[in-house]
């Protein structure tokens, strides 16, 4: 939480580092089982990333994958599948086809189906 507070005070609102801190907060809430808060922080990260990074940036894919994982944990498989597919779409535009992240996303898609 402290990192987010510092980032919000010292960096422009749409700075990618703020998005990274939001993703980290989302991960903490996800680990604690507070999925609603996790999704809130992951969405904040995506909002910033979509404004400040190229549309095919791997960090955006990571944020979508994070959101997919939360929806999977919540047993909302259709939303999990949607977010993992969004992650895959960006990964396929920015990463080599044999990149391990793509393999992980295919696995996540398989779990959500």
PDB file of N, CA and C in Angstrom:
ATOM      1  N   UNK A   1       0.826  -1.184   0.000  1.00  0.00           N
ATOM      2  CA  UNK A   1       0.000   0.000   0.000  1.00  0.00           C
ATOM      3  C   UNK A   1       0.869   1.247   0.000  1.00  0.00           C
ATOM      4  N   UNK A   2       1.970   1.212   0.731  1.00  0.00           N
ATOM      5  CA  UNK A   2       2.844   2.378   0.840  1.00  0.00           C
ATOM      6  C   UNK A   2       3.422   2.751  -0.525  1.00  0.00           C
ATOM      7  N   UNK A   3       3.800   1.755  -1.305  1.00  0.00           N
ATOM      8  CA  UNK A   3       4.350   2.033  -2.633  1.00  0.00           C
ATOM      9  C   UNK A   3       3.329   2.737  -3.512  1.00  0.00           C
ATOM     10  N   UNK A   4       2.083   2.304  -3.442  1.00  0.00           N
ATOM     11  CA  UNK A   4       1.014   2.940  -4.221  1.00  0.00           C
ATOM     12  C   UNK A   4       0.864   4.396  -3.786  1.00  0.00           C
ATOM     13  N   UNK A   5       0.864   4.640  -2.479  1.00  0.00           N
ATOM     14  CA  UNK A   5       0.718   6.002  -1.975  1.00  0.00           C
ATOM     15  C   UNK A   5       1.853   6.900  -2.460  1.00  0.00           C
ATOM     16  N   UNK A   6       3.066   6.394  -2.426  1.00  0.00           N
ATOM     17  CA  UNK A   6       4.220   7.173  -2.880  1.00  0.00           C
ATOM     18  C   UNK A   6       4.128   7.428  -4.380  1.00  0.00           C
ATOM     19  N   UNK A   7       3.819   6.385  -5.137  1.00  0.00           N
ATOM     20  CA  UNK A   7       3.690   6.542  -6.590  1.00  0.00           C
ATOM     21  C   UNK A   7       2.632   7.581  -6.940  1.00  0.00           C
ATOM     22  N   UNK A   8       1.492   7.500  -6.269  1.00  0.00           N
ATOM     23  CA  UNK A   8       0.395   8.423  -6.579  1.00  0.00           C
ATOM     24  C   UNK A   8       0.763   9.875  -6.275  1.00  0.00           C
ATOM     25  N   UNK A   9       1.645  10.082  -5.295  1.00  0.00           N
ATOM     26  CA  UNK A   9       2.056  11.440  -4.926  1.00  0.00           C
ATOM     27  C   UNK A   9       3.192  11.968  -5.799  1.00  0.00           C
ATOM     28  N   UNK A  10       4.043  11.081  -6.293  1.00  0.00           N
ATOM     29  CA  UNK A  10       5.269  11.537  -6.949  1.00  0.00           C
ATOM     30  C   UNK A  10       5.310  11.347  -8.459  1.00  0.00           C
ATOM     31  N   UNK A  11       4.425  10.534  -9.000  1.00  0.00           N
ATOM     32  CA  UNK A  11       4.450  10.250 -10.435  1.00  0.00           C
ATOM     33  C   UNK A  11       3.177  10.746 -11.101  1.00  0.00           C
ATOM     34  N   UNK A  12       3.253  11.004 -12.413  1.00  0.00           N
ATOM     35  CA  UNK A  12       2.024  11.343 -13.135  1.00  0.00           C
ATOM     36  C   UNK A  12       1.018  10.195 -13.015  1.00  0.00           C
ATOM     37  N   UNK A  13      -0.258  10.533 -13.050  1.00  0.00           N
ATOM     38  CA  UNK A  13      -1.329   9.549 -12.834  1.00  0.00           C
ATOM     39  C   UNK A  13      -1.259   8.371 -13.794  1.00  0.00           C
ATOM     40  N   UNK A  14      -0.798   8.596 -15.017  1.00  0.00           N
ATOM     41  CA  UNK A  14      -0.757   7.520 -16.014  1.00  0.00           C
ATOM     42  C   UNK A  14       0.642   6.943 -16.210  1.00  0.00           C
ATOM     43  N   UNK A  15       1.482   7.046 -15.212  1.00  0.00           N
ATOM     44  CA  UNK A  15       2.841   6.506 -15.316  1.00  0.00           C
ATOM     45  C   UNK A  15       2.809   4.978 -15.185  1.00  0.00           C
ATOM     46  N   UNK A  16       3.529   4.260 -16.039  1.00  0.00           N
ATOM     47  CA  UNK A  16       3.526   2.788 -15.959  1.00  0.00           C
ATOM     48  C   UNK A  16       3.944   2.228 -14.598  1.00  0.00           C
ATOM     49  N   UNK A  17       4.778   2.953 -13.859  1.00  0.00           N
ATOM     50  CA  UNK A  17       5.174   2.460 -12.530  1.00  0.00           C
ATOM     51  C   UNK A  17       3.995   2.446 -11.561  1.00  0.00           C
ATOM     52  N   UNK A  18       3.068   3.376 -11.730  1.00  0.00           N
ATOM     53  CA  UNK A  18       1.862   3.367 -10.904  1.00  0.00           C
ATOM     54  C   UNK A  18       1.062   2.099 -11.219  1.00  0.00           C
ATOM     55  N   UNK A  19       0.985   1.763 -12.499  1.00  0.00           N
ATOM     56  CA  UNK A  19       0.284   0.532 -12.898  1.00  0.00           C
ATOM     57  C   UNK A  19       0.939  -0.697 -12.277  1.00  0.00           C
ATOM     58  N   UNK A  20       2.264  -0.717 -12.245  1.00  0.00           N
ATOM     59  CA  UNK A  20       2.975  -1.839 -11.635  1.00  0.00           C
ATOM     60  C   UNK A  20       2.623  -1.964 -10.154  1.00  0.00           C
ATOM     61  N   UNK A  21       2.576  -0.843  -9.474  1.00  0.00           N
ATOM     62  CA  UNK A  21       2.201  -0.874  -8.049  1.00  0.00           C
ATOM     63  C   UNK A  21       0.762  -1.356  -7.875  1.00  0.00           C
ATOM     64  N   UNK A  22      -0.134  -0.923  -8.754  1.00  0.00           N
ATOM     65  CA  UNK A  22      -1.512  -1.402  -8.687  1.00  0.00           C
ATOM     66  C   UNK A  22      -1.579  -2.910  -8.925  1.00  0.00           C
ATOM     67  N   UNK A  23      -0.803  -3.408  -9.873  1.00  0.00           N
ATOM     68  CA  UNK A  23      -0.772  -4.859 -10.099  1.00  0.00           C
ATOM     69  C   UNK A  23      -0.271  -5.583  -8.857  1.00  0.00           C
ATOM     70  N   UNK A  24       0.747  -5.031  -8.208  1.00  0.00           N
ATOM     71  CA  UNK A  24       1.273  -5.660  -6.997  1.00  0.00           C
ATOM     72  C   UNK A  24       0.230  -5.673  -5.886  1.00  0.00           C
ATOM     73  N   UNK A  25      -0.522  -4.580  -5.757  1.00  0.00           N
ATOM     74  CA  UNK A  25      -1.594  -4.548  -4.767  1.00  0.00           C
ATOM     75  C   UNK A  25      -2.668  -5.577  -5.115  1.00  0.00           C
ATOM     76  N   UNK A  26      -2.992  -5.663  -6.391  1.00  0.00           N
ATOM     77  CA  UNK A  26      -3.967  -6.657  -6.825  1.00  0.00           C
ATOM     78  C   UNK A  26      -3.522  -8.064  -6.453  1.00  0.00           C
ATOM     79  N   UNK A  27      -2.244  -8.345  -6.662  1.00  0.00           N
ATOM     80  CA  UNK A  27      -1.712  -9.669  -6.332  1.00  0.00           C
ATOM     81  C   UNK A  27      -1.799  -9.947  -4.831  1.00  0.00           C
ATOM     82  N   UNK A  28      -1.525  -8.922  -4.035  1.00  0.00           N
ATOM     83  CA  UNK A  28      -1.613  -9.100  -2.575  1.00  0.00           C
ATOM     84  C   UNK A  28      -3.048  -9.411  -2.156  1.00  0.00           C
ATOM     85  N   UNK A  29      -3.987  -8.656  -2.707  1.00  0.00           N
ATOM     86  CA  UNK A  29      -5.391  -8.911  -2.375  1.00  0.00           C
ATOM     87  C   UNK A  29      -5.848 -10.269  -2.896  1.00  0.00           C
ATOM     88  N   UNK A  30      -5.376 -10.632  -4.077  1.00  0.00           N
ATOM     89  CA  UNK A  30      -5.729 -11.953  -4.617  1.00  0.00           C
ATOM     90  C   UNK A  30      -5.228 -13.055  -3.698  1.00  0.00           C
ATOM     91  N   UNK A  31      -3.992 -12.941  -3.250  1.00  0.00           N
ATOM     92  CA  UNK A  31      -3.417 -13.946  -2.347  1.00  0.00           C
ATOM     93  C   UNK A  31      -4.188 -14.026  -1.031  1.00  0.00           C
ATOM     94  N   UNK A  32      -4.719 -12.886  -0.600  1.00  0.00           N
ATOM     95  CA  UNK A  32      -5.485 -12.854   0.651  1.00  0.00           C
ATOM     96  C   UNK A  32      -6.924 -13.312   0.459  1.00  0.00           C
ATOM     97  N   UNK A  33      -7.319 -13.570  -0.790  1.00  0.00           N
ATOM     98  CA  UNK A  33      -8.679 -14.031  -1.055  1.00  0.00           C
ATOM     99  C   UNK A  33      -9.696 -12.912  -1.198  1.00  0.00           C
ATOM    100  N   UNK A  34      -9.226 -11.660  -1.243  1.00  0.00           N
ATOM    101  CA  UNK A  34     -10.127 -10.513  -1.433  1.00  0.00           C
ATOM    102  C   UNK A  34     -10.169 -10.213  -2.931  1.00  0.00           C
ATOM    103  N   UNK A  35     -10.984 -10.976  -3.630  1.00  0.00           N
ATOM    104  CA  UNK A  35     -11.002 -10.927  -5.086  1.00  0.00           C
ATOM    105  C   UNK A  35     -11.598  -9.627  -5.635  1.00  0.00           C
ATOM    106  N   UNK A  36     -12.541  -9.061  -4.929  1.00  0.00           N
ATOM    107  CA  UNK A  36     -13.122  -7.799  -5.386  1.00  0.00           C
ATOM    108  C   UNK A  36     -12.066  -6.696  -5.389  1.00  0.00           C
ATOM    109  N   UNK A  37     -11.297  -6.595  -4.316  1.00  0.00           N
ATOM    110  CA  UNK A  37     -10.227  -5.592  -4.263  1.00  0.00           C
ATOM    111  C   UNK A  37      -9.144  -5.897  -5.286  1.00  0.00           C
ATOM    112  N   UNK A  38      -8.828  -7.158  -5.469  1.00  0.00           N
ATOM    113  CA  UNK A  38      -7.819  -7.536  -6.457  1.00  0.00           C
ATOM    114  C   UNK A  38      -8.235  -7.065  -7.844  1.00  0.00           C
ATOM    115  N   UNK A  39      -9.478  -7.315  -8.210  1.00  0.00           N
ATOM    116  CA  UNK A  39      -9.962  -6.887  -9.527  1.00  0.00           C
ATOM    117  C   UNK A  39      -9.944  -5.368  -9.665  1.00  0.00           C
ATOM    118  N   UNK A  40     -10.255  -4.669  -8.597  1.00  0.00           N
ATOM    119  CA  UNK A  40     -10.227  -3.204  -8.633  1.00  0.00           C
ATOM    120  C   UNK A  40      -8.824  -2.710  -8.960  1.00  0.00           C
ATOM    121  N   UNK A  41      -7.832  -3.254  -8.289  1.00  0.00           N
ATOM    122  CA  UNK A  41      -6.455  -2.819  -8.533  1.00  0.00           C
ATOM    123  C   UNK A  41      -5.945  -3.274  -9.903  1.00  0.00           C
ATOM    124  N   UNK A  42      -6.282  -4.475 -10.306  1.00  0.00           N
ATOM    125  CA  UNK A  42      -5.874  -4.928 -11.633  1.00  0.00           C
ATOM    126  C   UNK A  42      -6.501  -4.052 -12.722  1.00  0.00           C
ATOM    127  N   UNK A  43      -7.756  -3.660 -12.530  1.00  0.00           N
ATOM    128  CA  UNK A  43      -8.413  -2.798 -13.518  1.00  0.00           C
ATOM    129  C   UNK A  43      -7.755  -1.421 -13.559  1.00  0.00           C
ATOM    130  N   UNK A  44      -7.368  -0.900 -12.399  1.00  0.00           N
ATOM    131  CA  UNK A  44      -6.649   0.382 -12.373  1.00  0.00           C
ATOM    132  C   UNK A  44      -5.342   0.273 -13.165  1.00  0.00           C
ATOM    133  N   UNK A  45      -4.669  -0.851 -13.017  1.00  0.00           N
ATOM    134  CA  UNK A  45      -3.423  -1.062 -13.748  1.00  0.00           C
ATOM    135  C   UNK A  45      -3.676  -1.073 -15.254  1.00  0.00           C
ATOM    136  N   UNK A  46      -4.691  -1.814 -15.683  1.00  0.00           N
ATOM    137  CA  UNK A  46      -5.023  -1.890 -17.113  1.00  0.00           C
ATOM    138  C   UNK A  46      -5.383  -0.511 -17.649  1.00  0.00           C
ATOM    139  N   UNK A  47      -6.167   0.240 -16.895  1.00  0.00           N
ATOM    140  CA  UNK A  47      -6.573   1.569 -17.350  1.00  0.00           C
ATOM    141  C   UNK A  47      -5.355   2.451 -17.640  1.00  0.00           C
ATOM    142  N   UNK A  48      -4.389   2.408 -16.751  1.00  0.00           N
ATOM    143  CA  UNK A  48      -3.168   3.193 -16.950  1.00  0.00           C
ATOM    144  C   UNK A  48      -2.365   2.644 -18.119  1.00  0.00           C
ATOM    145  N   UNK A  49      -2.180   1.336 -18.159  1.00  0.00           N
ATOM    146  CA  UNK A  49      -1.370   0.722 -19.208  1.00  0.00           C
ATOM    147  C   UNK A  49      -1.939   0.995 -20.599  1.00  0.00           C
ATOM    148  N   UNK A  50      -3.241   0.945 -20.730  1.00  0.00           N
ATOM    149  CA  UNK A  50      -3.852   1.173 -22.044  1.00  0.00           C
ATOM    150  C   UNK A  50      -3.670   2.619 -22.511  1.00  0.00           C
ATOM    151  N   UNK A  51      -3.471   3.529 -21.562  1.00  0.00           N
ATOM    152  CA  UNK A  51      -3.233   4.930 -21.918  1.00  0.00           C
ATOM    153  C   UNK A  51      -1.752   5.232 -22.148  1.00  0.00           C
ATOM    154  N   UNK A  52      -0.875   4.492 -21.473  1.00  0.00           N
ATOM    155  CA  UNK A  52       0.538   4.872 -21.469  1.00  0.00           C
ATOM    156  C   UNK A  52       1.463   3.926 -22.237  1.00  0.00           C
ATOM    157  N   UNK A  53       0.975   2.774 -22.639  1.00  0.00           N
ATOM    158  CA  UNK A  53       1.811   1.786 -23.324  1.00  0.00           C
ATOM    159  C   UNK A  53       1.219   1.450 -24.693  1.00  0.00           C
ATOM    160  N   UNK A  54       2.051   0.926 -25.591  1.00  0.00           N
ATOM    161  CA  UNK A  54       1.493   0.443 -26.869  1.00  0.00           C
ATOM    162  C   UNK A  54       0.457  -0.653 -26.608  1.00  0.00           C
ATOM    163  N   UNK A  55      -0.552  -0.726 -27.461  1.00  0.00           N
ATOM    164  CA  UNK A  55      -1.679  -1.640 -27.231  1.00  0.00           C
ATOM    165  C   UNK A  55      -1.274  -3.112 -27.151  1.00  0.00           C
ATOM    166  N   UNK A  56      -0.126  -3.470 -27.718  1.00  0.00           N
ATOM    167  CA  UNK A  56       0.310  -4.865 -27.692  1.00  0.00           C
ATOM    168  C   UNK A  56       1.402  -5.105 -26.645  1.00  0.00           C
ATOM    169  N   UNK A  57       1.574  -4.202 -25.709  1.00  0.00           N
ATOM    170  CA  UNK A  57       2.646  -4.330 -24.721  1.00  0.00           C
ATOM    171  C   UNK A  57       2.401  -5.550 -23.826  1.00  0.00           C
ATOM    172  N   UNK A  58       3.448  -6.330 -23.556  1.00  0.00           N
ATOM    173  CA  UNK A  58       3.279  -7.533 -22.719  1.00  0.00           C
ATOM    174  C   UNK A  58       2.749  -7.242 -21.310  1.00  0.00           C
ATOM    175  N   UNK A  59       3.016  -6.070 -20.777  1.00  0.00           N
ATOM    176  CA  UNK A  59       2.507  -5.745 -19.436  1.00  0.00           C
ATOM    177  C   UNK A  59       0.988  -5.706 -19.408  1.00  0.00           C
ATOM    178  N   UNK A  60       0.378  -5.262 -20.495  1.00  0.00           N
ATOM    179  CA  UNK A  60      -1.083  -5.256 -20.559  1.00  0.00           C
ATOM    180  C   UNK A  60      -1.590  -6.697 -20.557  1.00  0.00           C
ATOM    181  N   UNK A  61      -0.894  -7.546 -21.290  1.00  0.00           N
ATOM    182  CA  UNK A  61      -1.266  -8.966 -21.304  1.00  0.00           C
ATOM    183  C   UNK A  61      -1.185  -9.557 -19.901  1.00  0.00           C
ATOM    184  N   UNK A  62      -0.156  -9.190 -19.167  1.00  0.00           N
ATOM    185  CA  UNK A  62      -0.004  -9.692 -17.798  1.00  0.00           C
ATOM    186  C   UNK A  62      -1.171  -9.247 -16.925  1.00  0.00           C
ATOM    187  N   UNK A  63      -1.562  -7.997 -17.060  1.00  0.00           N
ATOM    188  CA  UNK A  63      -2.687  -7.496 -16.261  1.00  0.00           C
ATOM    189  C   UNK A  63      -3.976  -8.227 -16.605  1.00  0.00           C
ATOM    190  N   UNK A  64      -4.204  -8.460 -17.893  1.00  0.00           N
ATOM    191  CA  UNK A  64      -5.399  -9.213 -18.283  1.00  0.00           C
ATOM    192  C   UNK A  64      -5.340 -10.640 -17.758  1.00  0.00           C
ATOM    193  N   UNK A  65      -4.179 -11.228 -17.796  1.00  0.00           N
ATOM    194  CA  UNK A  65      -4.019 -12.581 -17.264  1.00  0.00           C
ATOM    195  C   UNK A  65      -4.314 -12.604 -15.763  1.00  0.00           C
ATOM    196  N   UNK A  66      -3.842 -11.576 -15.060  1.00  0.00           N
ATOM    197  CA  UNK A  66      -4.131 -11.477 -13.629  1.00  0.00           C
ATOM    198  C   UNK A  66      -5.639 -11.424 -13.384  1.00  0.00           C
ATOM    199  N   UNK A  67      -6.325 -10.637 -14.183  1.00  0.00           N
ATOM    200  CA  UNK A  67      -7.778 -10.533 -14.028  1.00  0.00           C
ATOM    201  C   UNK A  67      -8.447 -11.871 -14.344  1.00  0.00           C
ATOM    202  N   UNK A  68      -7.950 -12.552 -15.350  1.00  0.00           N
ATOM    203  CA  UNK A  68      -8.479 -13.866 -15.674  1.00  0.00           C
ATOM    204  C   UNK A  68      -8.300 -14.847 -14.532  1.00  0.00           C
ATOM    205  N   UNK A  69      -7.158 -14.778 -13.884  1.00  0.00           N
ATOM    206  CA  UNK A  69      -6.894 -15.682 -12.762  1.00  0.00           C
ATOM    207  C   UNK A  69      -7.852 -15.442 -11.599  1.00  0.00           C
ATOM    208  N   UNK A  70      -8.151 -14.171 -11.324  1.00  0.00           N
ATOM    209  CA  UNK A  70      -9.096 -13.862 -10.247  1.00  0.00           C
ATOM    210  C   UNK A  70     -10.483 -14.393 -10.595  1.00  0.00           C
ATOM    211  N   UNK A  71     -10.902 -14.160 -11.826  1.00  0.00           N
ATOM    212  CA  UNK A  71     -12.227 -14.665 -12.214  1.00  0.00           C
ATOM    213  C   UNK A  71     -12.270 -16.194 -12.156  1.00  0.00           C
ATOM    214  N   UNK A  72     -11.174 -16.831 -12.488  1.00  0.00           N
ATOM    215  CA  UNK A  72     -11.111 -18.297 -12.373  1.00  0.00           C
ATOM    216  C   UNK A  72     -11.289 -18.721 -10.915  1.00  0.00           C
ATOM    217  N   UNK A  73     -10.584 -18.037 -10.022  1.00  0.00           N
ATOM    218  CA  UNK A  73     -10.705 -18.363  -8.595  1.00  0.00           C
ATOM    219  C   UNK A  73     -12.131 -18.143  -8.092  1.00  0.00           C
ATOM    220  N   UNK A  74     -12.823 -17.174  -8.716  1.00  0.00           N
ATOM    221  CA  UNK A  74     -14.204 -16.876  -8.334  1.00  0.00           C
ATOM    222  C   UNK A  74     -15.194 -17.815  -9.038  1.00  0.00           C
ATOM    223  N   UNK A  75     -14.650 -18.732  -9.830  1.00  0.00           N
ATOM    224  CA  UNK A  75     -15.434 -19.711 -10.592  1.00  0.00           C
ATOM    225  C   UNK A  75     -16.314 -19.066 -11.666  1.00  0.00           C
ATOM    226  N   UNK A  76     -15.905 -17.897 -12.115  1.00  0.00           N
ATOM    227  CA  UNK A  76     -16.574 -17.213 -13.223  1.00  0.00           C
ATOM    228  C   UNK A  76     -15.741 -17.515 -14.475  1.00  0.00           C
ATOM    229  N   UNK A  77     -15.944 -18.716 -14.991  1.00  0.00           N
ATOM    230  CA  UNK A  77     -15.082 -19.237 -16.044  1.00  0.00           C
ATOM    231  C   UNK A  77     -15.229 -18.503 -17.370  1.00  0.00           C
ATOM    232  N   UNK A  78     -16.407 -17.983 -17.660  1.00  0.00           N
ATOM    233  CA  UNK A  78     -16.567 -17.259 -18.919  1.00  0.00           C
ATOM    234  C   UNK A  78     -15.758 -15.965 -18.910  1.00  0.00           C
ATOM    235  N   UNK A  79     -15.747 -15.254 -17.790  1.00  0.00           N
ATOM    236  CA  UNK A  79     -14.923 -14.044 -17.700  1.00  0.00           C
ATOM    237  C   UNK A  79     -13.444 -14.401 -17.649  1.00  0.00           C
ATOM    238  N   UNK A  80     -13.103 -15.466 -16.963  1.00  0.00           N
ATOM    239  CA  UNK A  80     -11.703 -15.905 -16.930  1.00  0.00           C
ATOM    240  C   UNK A  80     -11.222 -16.182 -18.343  1.00  0.00           C
ATOM    241  N   UNK A  81     -12.020 -16.904 -19.098  1.00  0.00           N
ATOM    242  CA  UNK A  81     -11.665 -17.224 -20.478  1.00  0.00           C
ATOM    243  C   UNK A  81     -11.509 -15.949 -21.304  1.00  0.00           C
ATOM    244  N   UNK A  82     -12.419 -15.001 -21.142  1.00  0.00           N
ATOM    245  CA  UNK A  82     -12.362 -13.748 -21.894  1.00  0.00           C
ATOM    246  C   UNK A  82     -11.056 -13.001 -21.611  1.00  0.00           C
ATOM    247  N   UNK A  83     -10.694 -12.869 -20.336  1.00  0.00           N
ATOM    248  CA  UNK A  83      -9.476 -12.131 -19.997  1.00  0.00           C
ATOM    249  C   UNK A  83      -8.216 -12.868 -20.432  1.00  0.00           C
ATOM    250  N   UNK A  84      -8.210 -14.189 -20.303  1.00  0.00           N
ATOM    251  CA  UNK A  84      -7.036 -14.934 -20.769  1.00  0.00           C
ATOM    252  C   UNK A  84      -6.908 -14.846 -22.290  1.00  0.00           C
ATOM    253  N   UNK A  85      -8.021 -14.811 -22.988  1.00  0.00           N
ATOM    254  CA  UNK A  85      -7.973 -14.644 -24.447  1.00  0.00           C
ATOM    255  C   UNK A  85      -7.447 -13.246 -24.805  1.00  0.00           C
ATOM    256  N   UNK A  86      -7.844 -12.243 -24.050  1.00  0.00           N
ATOM    257  CA  UNK A  86      -7.333 -10.891 -24.280  1.00  0.00           C
ATOM    258  C   UNK A  86      -5.825 -10.849 -24.046  1.00  0.00           C
ATOM    259  N   UNK A  87      -5.372 -11.561 -23.036  1.00  0.00           N
ATOM    260  CA  UNK A  87      -3.932 -11.638 -22.771  1.00  0.00           C
ATOM    261  C   UNK A  87      -3.221 -12.315 -23.937  1.00  0.00           C
ATOM    262  N   UNK A  88      -3.782 -13.425 -24.403  1.00  0.00           N
ATOM    263  CA  UNK A  88      -3.175 -14.159 -25.513  1.00  0.00           C
ATOM    264  C   UNK A  88      -3.103 -13.297 -26.769  1.00  0.00           C
ATOM    265  N   UNK A  89      -4.142 -12.560 -27.052  1.00  0.00           N
ATOM    266  CA  UNK A  89      -4.152 -11.704 -28.237  1.00  0.00           C
ATOM    267  C   UNK A  89      -2.981 -10.730 -28.213  1.00  0.00           C
ATOM    268  N   UNK A  90      -2.699 -10.137 -27.075  1.00  0.00           N
ATOM    269  CA  UNK A  90      -1.582  -9.195 -26.966  1.00  0.00           C
ATOM    270  C   UNK A  90      -0.240  -9.917 -27.004  1.00  0.00           C
ATOM    271  N   UNK A  91      -0.170 -11.063 -26.353  1.00  0.00           N
ATOM    272  CA  UNK A  91       1.078 -11.818 -26.358  1.00  0.00           C
ATOM    273  C   UNK A  91       1.457 -12.244 -27.766  1.00  0.00           C
ATOM    274  N   UNK A  92       0.482 -12.667 -28.532  1.00  0.00           N
ATOM    275  CA  UNK A  92       0.773 -13.124 -29.897  1.00  0.00           C
ATOM    276  C   UNK A  92       1.259 -11.983 -30.782  1.00  0.00           C
ATOM    277  N   UNK A  93       0.942 -10.753 -30.420  1.00  0.00           N
ATOM    278  CA  UNK A  93       1.402  -9.595 -31.177  1.00  0.00           C
ATOM    279  C   UNK A  93       2.786  -9.135 -30.764  1.00  0.00           C
ATOM    280  N   UNK A  94       3.216  -9.517 -29.568  1.00  0.00           N
ATOM    281  CA  UNK A  94       4.446  -8.925 -29.041  1.00  0.00           C
ATOM    282  C   UNK A  94       5.539  -9.928 -28.659  1.00  0.00           C
ATOM    283  N   UNK A  95       5.205 -11.188 -28.550  1.00  0.00           N
ATOM    284  CA  UNK A  95       6.179 -12.183 -28.088  1.00  0.00           C
ATOM    285  C   UNK A  95       6.408 -13.240 -29.167  1.00  0.00           C
ATOM    286  N   UNK A  96       7.580 -13.875 -29.143  1.00  0.00           N
ATOM    287  CA  UNK A  96       7.804 -14.993 -30.071  1.00  0.00           C
ATOM    288  C   UNK A  96       6.806 -16.113 -29.797  1.00  0.00           C
ATOM    289  N   UNK A  97       6.437 -16.848 -30.831  1.00  0.00           N
ATOM    290  CA  UNK A  97       5.375 -17.858 -30.686  1.00  0.00           C
ATOM    291  C   UNK A  97       5.719 -18.966 -29.700  1.00  0.00           C
ATOM    292  N   UNK A  98       6.999 -19.162 -29.402  1.00  0.00           N
ATOM    293  CA  UNK A  98       7.396 -20.207 -28.454  1.00  0.00           C
ATOM    294  C   UNK A  98       7.736 -19.635 -27.073  1.00  0.00           C
ATOM    295  N   UNK A  99       7.291 -18.425 -26.794  1.00  0.00           N
ATOM    296  CA  UNK A  99       7.569 -17.790 -25.508  1.00  0.00           C
ATOM    297  C   UNK A  99       6.809 -18.521 -24.393  1.00  0.00           C
ATOM    298  N   UNK A 100       7.450 -18.739 -23.247  1.00  0.00           N
ATOM    299  CA  UNK A 100       6.790 -19.449 -22.136  1.00  0.00           C
ATOM    300  C   UNK A 100       5.499 -18.784 -21.652  1.00  0.00           C
ATOM    301  N   UNK A 101       5.409 -17.475 -21.725  1.00  0.00           N
ATOM    302  CA  UNK A 101       4.187 -16.795 -21.287  1.00  0.00           C
ATOM    303  C   UNK A 101       2.985 -17.197 -22.131  1.00  0.00           C
ATOM    304  N   UNK A 102       3.216 -17.425 -23.409  1.00  0.00           N
ATOM    305  CA  UNK A 102       2.130 -17.861 -24.284  1.00  0.00           C
ATOM    306  C   UNK A 102       1.674 -19.262 -23.889  1.00  0.00           C
ATOM    307  N   UNK A 103       2.614 -20.121 -23.571  1.00  0.00           N
ATOM    308  CA  UNK A 103       2.261 -21.478 -23.141  1.00  0.00           C
ATOM    309  C   UNK A 103       1.436 -21.436 -21.856  1.00  0.00           C
ATOM    310  N   UNK A 104       1.828 -20.578 -20.932  1.00  0.00           N
ATOM    311  CA  UNK A 104       1.082 -20.446 -19.673  1.00  0.00           C
ATOM    312  C   UNK A 104      -0.343 -19.959 -19.949  1.00  0.00           C
ATOM    313  N   UNK A 105      -0.465 -19.003 -20.867  1.00  0.00           N
ATOM    314  CA  UNK A 105      -1.794 -18.481 -21.186  1.00  0.00           C
ATOM    315  C   UNK A 105      -2.655 -19.555 -21.836  1.00  0.00           C
ATOM    316  N   UNK A 106      -2.073 -20.357 -22.726  1.00  0.00           N
ATOM    317  CA  UNK A 106      -2.840 -21.469 -23.307  1.00  0.00           C
ATOM    318  C   UNK A 106      -3.312 -22.421 -22.210  1.00  0.00           C
ATOM    319  N   UNK A 107      -2.467 -22.680 -21.239  1.00  0.00           N
ATOM    320  CA  UNK A 107      -2.858 -23.529 -20.120  1.00  0.00           C
ATOM    321  C   UNK A 107      -4.025 -22.900 -19.346  1.00  0.00           C
ATOM    322  N   UNK A 108      -3.922 -21.592 -19.090  1.00  0.00           N
ATOM    323  CA  UNK A 108      -4.998 -20.892 -18.355  1.00  0.00           C
ATOM    324  C   UNK A 108      -6.309 -20.948 -19.138  1.00  0.00           C
ATOM    325  N   UNK A 109      -6.225 -20.799 -20.448  1.00  0.00           N
ATOM    326  CA  UNK A 109      -7.426 -20.896 -21.285  1.00  0.00           C
ATOM    327  C   UNK A 109      -8.024 -22.291 -21.187  1.00  0.00           C
ATOM    328  N   UNK A 110      -7.173 -23.285 -21.217  1.00  0.00           N
ATOM    329  CA  UNK A 110      -7.661 -24.665 -21.095  1.00  0.00           C
ATOM    330  C   UNK A 110      -8.349 -24.920 -19.768  1.00  0.00           C
ATOM    331  N   UNK A 111      -7.828 -24.353 -18.696  1.00  0.00           N
ATOM    332  CA  UNK A 111      -8.456 -24.524 -17.385  1.00  0.00           C
ATOM    333  C   UNK A 111      -9.820 -23.856 -17.318  1.00  0.00           C
ATOM    334  N   UNK A 112      -9.942 -22.713 -18.004  1.00  0.00           N
ATOM    335  CA  UNK A 112     -11.180 -21.934 -17.920  1.00  0.00           C
ATOM    336  C   UNK A 112     -12.291 -22.509 -18.806  1.00  0.00           C
ATOM    337  N   UNK A 113     -11.934 -23.377 -19.750  1.00  0.00           N
ATOM    338  CA  UNK A 113     -12.949 -23.909 -20.671  1.00  0.00           C
ATOM    339  C   UNK A 113     -13.764 -25.006 -20.036  1.00  0.00           C
TER     340      UNK A 113
END
